C-alpha atoms as a PDB file:
ATOM      1  CA  UNK A   1     -19.477  18.232  61.441  1.00  0.00           C
ATOM      2  CA  UNK A   2     -18.341  15.146  59.855  1.00  0.00           C
ATOM      3  CA  UNK A   3     -15.337  12.891  60.337  1.00  0.00           C
ATOM      4  CA  UNK A   4     -13.105  14.097  57.417  1.00  0.00           C
ATOM      5  CA  UNK A   5     -14.723  17.416  56.515  1.00  0.00           C
ATOM      6  CA  UNK A   6     -16.021  16.421  53.105  1.00  0.00           C
ATOM      7  CA  UNK A   7     -19.665  15.829  53.835  1.00  0.00           C
ATOM      8  CA  UNK A   8     -19.946  18.957  55.979  1.00  0.00           C
ATOM      9  CA  UNK A   9     -18.384  21.017  53.212  1.00  0.00           C
ATOM     10  CA  UNK A  10     -20.894  19.762  50.649  1.00  0.00           C
ATOM     11  CA  UNK A  11     -23.883  20.344  53.030  1.00  0.00           C
ATOM     12  CA  UNK A  12     -22.731  23.878  53.774  1.00  0.00           C
ATOM     13  CA  UNK A  13     -22.564  24.625  50.057  1.00  0.00           C
ATOM     14  CA  UNK A  14     -26.090  23.180  49.633  1.00  0.00           C
ATOM     15  CA  UNK A  15     -27.383  25.253  52.525  1.00  0.00           C
ATOM     16  CA  UNK A  16     -25.685  28.486  51.298  1.00  0.00           C
ATOM     17  CA  UNK A  17     -27.122  27.800  47.823  1.00  0.00           C
ATOM     18  CA  UNK A  18     -30.591  27.705  49.465  1.00  0.00           C
ATOM     19  CA  UNK A  19     -30.009  31.152  51.180  1.00  0.00           C
ATOM     20  CA  UNK A  20     -29.160  29.626  54.572  1.00  0.00           C
ATOM     21  CA  UNK A  21     -26.216  31.084  56.383  1.00  0.00           C
ATOM     22  CA  UNK A  22     -23.799  28.184  56.813  1.00  0.00           C
ATOM     23  CA  UNK A  23     -20.127  27.832  57.588  1.00  0.00           C
ATOM     24  CA  UNK A  24     -17.941  24.820  57.098  1.00  0.00           C
ATOM     25  CA  UNK A  25     -14.903  24.941  59.344  1.00  0.00           C
ATOM     26  CA  UNK A  26     -11.610  23.886  57.780  1.00  0.00           C
ATOM     27  CA  UNK A  27     -10.614  20.412  58.897  1.00  0.00           C
ATOM     28  CA  UNK A  28     -12.975  17.971  60.651  1.00  0.00           C
ATOM     29  CA  UNK A  29     -14.154  16.608  63.960  1.00  0.00           C
ATOM     30  CA  UNK A  30     -10.755  14.787  64.010  1.00  0.00           C
ATOM     31  CA  UNK A  31      -8.783  17.932  63.579  1.00  0.00           C
ATOM     32  CA  UNK A  32     -10.969  19.671  66.236  1.00  0.00           C
ATOM     33  CA  UNK A  33     -10.038  16.906  68.622  1.00  0.00           C
ATOM     34  CA  UNK A  34      -6.384  16.978  67.660  1.00  0.00           C
ATOM     35  CA  UNK A  35      -6.368  20.671  68.616  1.00  0.00           C
ATOM     36  CA  UNK A  36      -7.731  19.739  72.011  1.00  0.00           C
ATOM     37  CA  UNK A  37     -10.917  21.782  71.597  1.00  0.00           C
ATOM     38  CA  UNK A  38     -14.050  21.065  73.695  1.00  0.00           C
ATOM     39  CA  UNK A  39     -17.083  19.055  72.668  1.00  0.00           C
ATOM     40  CA  UNK A  40     -20.718  19.469  73.719  1.00  0.00           C
ATOM     41  CA  UNK A  41     -23.767  17.381  73.441  1.00  0.00           C
ATOM     42  CA  UNK A  42     -26.785  18.756  71.446  1.00  0.00           C
ATOM     43  CA  UNK A  43     -28.109  20.027  74.798  1.00  0.00           C
ATOM     44  CA  UNK A  44     -24.835  21.880  75.537  1.00  0.00           C
ATOM     45  CA  UNK A  45     -23.406  19.522  78.108  1.00  0.00           C
ATOM     46  CA  UNK A  46     -19.636  18.958  77.999  1.00  0.00           C
ATOM     47  CA  UNK A  47     -18.665  15.563  76.551  1.00  0.00           C
ATOM     48  CA  UNK A  48     -15.512  13.648  75.640  1.00  0.00           C
ATOM     49  CA  UNK A  49     -17.328  11.307  73.211  1.00  0.00           C
ATOM     50  CA  UNK A  50     -16.968  11.866  69.555  1.00  0.00           C
ATOM     51  CA  UNK A  51     -18.519   9.830  66.739  1.00  0.00           C
ATOM     52  CA  UNK A  52     -15.617   8.939  64.506  1.00  0.00           C
ATOM     53  CA  UNK A  53     -17.583   6.868  61.899  1.00  0.00           C
ATOM     54  CA  UNK A  54     -15.394   3.816  62.309  1.00  0.00           C
ATOM     55  CA  UNK A  55     -12.567   2.389  64.526  1.00  0.00           C
ATOM     56  CA  UNK A  56     -10.099   3.403  61.767  1.00  0.00           C
ATOM     57  CA  UNK A  57     -10.350   6.929  62.878  1.00  0.00           C
ATOM     58  CA  UNK A  58      -8.301   7.725  66.031  1.00  0.00           C
ATOM     59  CA  UNK A  59      -8.691  10.648  68.452  1.00  0.00           C
ATOM     60  CA  UNK A  60      -6.371  11.825  71.303  1.00  0.00           C
ATOM     61  CA  UNK A  61      -6.751   9.905  74.522  1.00  0.00           C
ATOM     62  CA  UNK A  62      -8.711  12.658  76.269  1.00  0.00           C
ATOM     63  CA  UNK A  63     -11.630  11.786  74.022  1.00  0.00           C
ATOM     64  CA  UNK A  64     -13.627   8.607  73.601  1.00  0.00           C
ATOM     65  CA  UNK A  65     -14.257   7.472  70.034  1.00  0.00           C
ATOM     66  CA  UNK A  66     -17.694   5.976  69.365  1.00  0.00           C
ATOM     67  CA  UNK A  67     -19.111   4.626  66.103  1.00  0.00           C
END
């Protein structure tokens, strides 16, 4: 994922061009959080922490923005 969705879209296109099955979900991690959807760590543990790239990007209060 990425904060705004732009980088993840570009990366998904690059991977697809290399024959890797990749999907870029519409929106961004910010949209995911605005929808109240769950987050997990790379090891699969639930978390409320989300990397927002900078303090300019806000998430709902149930999440903790980190940068």
